[in-house]
Amino acid sequence: MSIDDDVLLAARQLAHNTGQTLGAALSALARKGLNPQPHEGHQRSGVILLPVRAEAGGSTLEEVNELRDELE
């Protein structure tokens, strides 16, 4: 069996974070893929919108640009 590097990395991280063996983590990921949970919530143009906390404030264009520049 061959496993793509990105999938193997995700399984290793899951195993490390949960204390599972790598095989158990791979099995858990496979089961999750076989039984996807329906997303509850609102959609816009086919995209599921994330919930917004009541205390969350808005963001200005300047803040967004600063965060983007930090990533570059």
N, C-alpha and C. Protein backbone atom coordinates (compact mmCIF):
# COMPACT_ATOMS: atom_id res chain seq x y z
N MET A 1 0.85 -1.16 0.00
CA MET A 1 0.00 0.00 0.00
C MET A 1 0.90 1.23 0.00
N SER A 2 0.55 2.24 -0.79
CA SER A 2 1.29 3.49 -0.73
C SER A 2 0.33 4.58 -0.26
N ILE A 3 0.85 5.47 0.57
CA ILE A 3 0.05 6.55 1.15
C ILE A 3 0.72 7.86 0.80
N ASP A 4 -0.04 8.78 0.27
CA ASP A 4 0.51 10.09 -0.09
C ASP A 4 1.12 10.77 1.13
N ASP A 5 2.17 11.54 0.89
CA ASP A 5 2.90 12.18 1.98
C ASP A 5 2.03 13.07 2.84
N ASP A 6 1.11 13.83 2.23
CA ASP A 6 0.28 14.74 3.01
C ASP A 6 -0.69 13.99 3.90
N VAL A 7 -1.18 12.85 3.43
CA VAL A 7 -2.09 12.02 4.23
C VAL A 7 -1.33 11.37 5.38
N LEU A 8 -0.14 10.90 5.09
CA LEU A 8 0.68 10.28 6.12
C LEU A 8 1.05 11.29 7.20
N LEU A 9 1.37 12.51 6.79
CA LEU A 9 1.69 13.56 7.76
C LEU A 9 0.50 13.86 8.65
N ALA A 10 -0.69 13.97 8.05
CA ALA A 10 -1.90 14.24 8.84
C ALA A 10 -2.17 13.10 9.81
N ALA A 11 -1.98 11.86 9.37
CA ALA A 11 -2.19 10.71 10.25
C ALA A 11 -1.18 10.70 11.38
N ARG A 12 0.06 11.01 11.09
CA ARG A 12 1.10 11.05 12.14
C ARG A 12 0.77 12.12 13.18
N GLN A 13 0.32 13.29 12.70
CA GLN A 13 -0.04 14.37 13.63
C GLN A 13 -1.23 13.97 14.49
N LEU A 14 -2.22 13.34 13.87
CA LEU A 14 -3.39 12.87 14.63
C LEU A 14 -2.97 11.84 15.66
N ALA A 15 -2.12 10.91 15.26
CA ALA A 15 -1.65 9.87 16.18
C ALA A 15 -0.91 10.50 17.36
N HIS A 16 -0.05 11.45 17.06
CA HIS A 16 0.72 12.11 18.12
C HIS A 16 -0.19 12.88 19.08
N ASN A 17 -1.16 13.62 18.50
CA ASN A 17 -2.04 14.46 19.31
C ASN A 17 -3.03 13.66 20.15
N THR A 18 -3.39 12.46 19.70
CA THR A 18 -4.39 11.67 20.40
C THR A 18 -3.81 10.48 21.15
N GLY A 19 -2.51 10.23 20.98
CA GLY A 19 -1.90 9.09 21.65
C GLY A 19 -2.24 7.76 21.00
N GLN A 20 -2.71 7.79 19.77
CA GLN A 20 -3.04 6.57 19.04
C GLN A 20 -1.81 6.06 18.29
N THR A 21 -1.89 4.83 17.85
CA THR A 21 -0.87 4.33 16.94
C THR A 21 -1.14 4.94 15.57
N LEU A 22 -0.15 4.89 14.69
CA LEU A 22 -0.33 5.41 13.35
C LEU A 22 -1.43 4.64 12.62
N GLY A 23 -1.47 3.33 12.79
CA GLY A 23 -2.50 2.53 12.15
C GLY A 23 -3.90 2.90 12.62
N ALA A 24 -4.04 3.14 13.92
CA ALA A 24 -5.34 3.53 14.47
C ALA A 24 -5.76 4.90 13.93
N ALA A 25 -4.79 5.81 13.81
CA ALA A 25 -5.10 7.15 13.29
C ALA A 25 -5.52 7.06 11.83
N LEU A 26 -4.83 6.24 11.04
CA LEU A 26 -5.20 6.06 9.63
C LEU A 26 -6.60 5.46 9.52
N SER A 27 -6.89 4.49 10.35
CA SER A 27 -8.22 3.88 10.34
C SER A 27 -9.29 4.89 10.70
N ALA A 28 -9.03 5.73 11.70
CA ALA A 28 -9.99 6.75 12.11
C ALA A 28 -10.25 7.74 10.97
N LEU A 29 -9.18 8.15 10.28
CA LEU A 29 -9.35 9.07 9.16
C LEU A 29 -10.14 8.43 8.02
N ALA A 30 -9.86 7.16 7.76
CA ALA A 30 -10.58 6.45 6.71
C ALA A 30 -12.06 6.33 7.06
N ARG A 31 -12.37 5.98 8.31
CA ARG A 31 -13.76 5.86 8.74
C ARG A 31 -14.48 7.20 8.63
N LYS A 32 -13.78 8.26 9.01
CA LYS A 32 -14.38 9.59 8.94
C LYS A 32 -14.71 9.94 7.49
N GLY A 33 -13.85 9.55 6.57
CA GLY A 33 -14.11 9.79 5.16
C GLY A 33 -15.25 8.95 4.62
N LEU A 34 -15.41 7.76 5.17
CA LEU A 34 -16.49 6.88 4.72
C LEU A 34 -17.85 7.33 5.23
N ASN A 35 -17.87 8.01 6.36
CA ASN A 35 -19.11 8.46 6.98
C ASN A 35 -19.06 9.96 7.25
N PRO A 36 -19.02 10.78 6.20
CA PRO A 36 -18.94 12.22 6.44
C PRO A 36 -20.16 12.74 7.18
N GLN A 37 -19.93 13.63 8.10
CA GLN A 37 -21.02 14.23 8.87
C GLN A 37 -21.57 15.42 8.09
N PRO A 38 -22.88 15.51 7.99
CA PRO A 38 -23.44 16.67 7.29
C PRO A 38 -23.14 17.94 8.07
N HIS A 39 -22.84 18.98 7.35
CA HIS A 39 -22.56 20.26 7.99
C HIS A 39 -23.86 20.98 8.24
N GLU A 40 -24.01 21.42 9.46
CA GLU A 40 -25.19 22.21 9.78
C GLU A 40 -24.79 23.68 9.71
N GLY A 41 -25.66 24.47 9.29
CA GLY A 41 -25.38 25.89 9.23
C GLY A 41 -25.77 26.47 7.89
N HIS A 42 -25.46 27.70 7.76
CA HIS A 42 -25.86 28.44 6.57
C HIS A 42 -24.81 28.29 5.47
N GLN A 43 -25.28 28.41 4.25
CA GLN A 43 -24.39 28.37 3.10
C GLN A 43 -24.64 29.61 2.25
N ARG A 44 -23.58 30.03 1.58
CA ARG A 44 -23.70 31.11 0.61
C ARG A 44 -22.92 30.70 -0.62
N SER A 45 -23.57 30.63 -1.74
CA SER A 45 -22.96 30.21 -3.01
C SER A 45 -22.29 28.85 -2.88
N GLY A 46 -22.90 27.95 -2.10
CA GLY A 46 -22.36 26.61 -1.94
C GLY A 46 -21.25 26.48 -0.92
N VAL A 47 -20.87 27.58 -0.28
CA VAL A 47 -19.81 27.58 0.73
C VAL A 47 -20.43 27.63 2.11
N ILE A 48 -20.01 26.71 2.98
CA ILE A 48 -20.54 26.68 4.34
C ILE A 48 -19.94 27.83 5.13
N LEU A 49 -20.80 28.62 5.74
CA LEU A 49 -20.35 29.77 6.53
C LEU A 49 -20.05 29.33 7.94
N LEU A 50 -18.94 29.80 8.48
CA LEU A 50 -18.56 29.48 9.85
C LEU A 50 -19.38 30.32 10.83
N PRO A 51 -19.65 29.78 12.00
CA PRO A 51 -20.41 30.56 12.98
C PRO A 51 -19.58 31.74 13.49
N VAL A 52 -20.26 32.79 13.82
CA VAL A 52 -19.60 33.99 14.34
C VAL A 52 -20.01 34.16 15.79
N ARG A 53 -19.02 34.31 16.66
CA ARG A 53 -19.31 34.53 18.08
C ARG A 53 -19.86 35.93 18.29
N ALA A 54 -20.71 36.07 19.28
CA ALA A 54 -21.34 37.36 19.56
C ALA A 54 -20.31 38.43 19.89
N GLU A 55 -19.22 38.05 20.56
CA GLU A 55 -18.22 39.03 20.97
C GLU A 55 -17.19 39.34 19.87
N ALA A 56 -17.31 38.68 18.73
CA ALA A 56 -16.36 38.90 17.65
C ALA A 56 -16.60 40.28 17.04
N GLY A 57 -15.52 40.97 16.81
CA GLY A 57 -15.61 42.28 16.18
C GLY A 57 -15.33 42.16 14.70
N GLY A 58 -15.54 43.21 13.99
CA GLY A 58 -15.26 43.23 12.56
C GLY A 58 -13.79 43.46 12.30
N SER A 59 -13.40 43.32 11.08
CA SER A 59 -12.02 43.56 10.66
C SER A 59 -12.02 44.65 9.61
N THR A 60 -11.01 45.48 9.68
CA THR A 60 -10.87 46.52 8.67
C THR A 60 -9.99 46.00 7.54
N LEU A 61 -10.06 46.64 6.41
CA LEU A 61 -9.21 46.27 5.29
C LEU A 61 -7.74 46.41 5.66
N GLU A 62 -7.42 47.40 6.46
CA GLU A 62 -6.03 47.61 6.91
C GLU A 62 -5.54 46.41 7.73
N GLU A 63 -6.37 45.90 8.64
CA GLU A 63 -5.99 44.73 9.43
C GLU A 63 -5.79 43.50 8.56
N VAL A 64 -6.67 43.32 7.60
CA VAL A 64 -6.55 42.18 6.69
C VAL A 64 -5.25 42.29 5.89
N ASN A 65 -4.95 43.47 5.39
CA ASN A 65 -3.71 43.67 4.63
C ASN A 65 -2.47 43.44 5.48
N GLU A 66 -2.50 43.86 6.73
CA GLU A 66 -1.36 43.63 7.63
C GLU A 66 -1.13 42.14 7.85
N LEU A 67 -2.20 41.40 8.08
CA LEU A 67 -2.07 39.94 8.27
C LEU A 67 -1.56 39.28 6.99
N ARG A 68 -2.07 39.70 5.86
CA ARG A 68 -1.61 39.14 4.59
C ARG A 68 -0.12 39.41 4.39
N ASP A 69 0.31 40.64 4.70
CA ASP A 69 1.72 41.00 4.53
C ASP A 69 2.63 40.20 5.45
N GLU A 70 2.14 39.82 6.64
CA GLU A 70 2.93 39.00 7.56
C GLU A 70 3.19 37.62 6.99
N LEU A 71 2.27 37.13 6.17
CA LEU A 71 2.41 35.79 5.60
C LEU A 71 3.34 35.77 4.39
N GLU A 72 3.56 36.89 3.79
CA GLU A 72 4.40 36.94 2.58
C GLU A 72 5.86 36.98 2.91
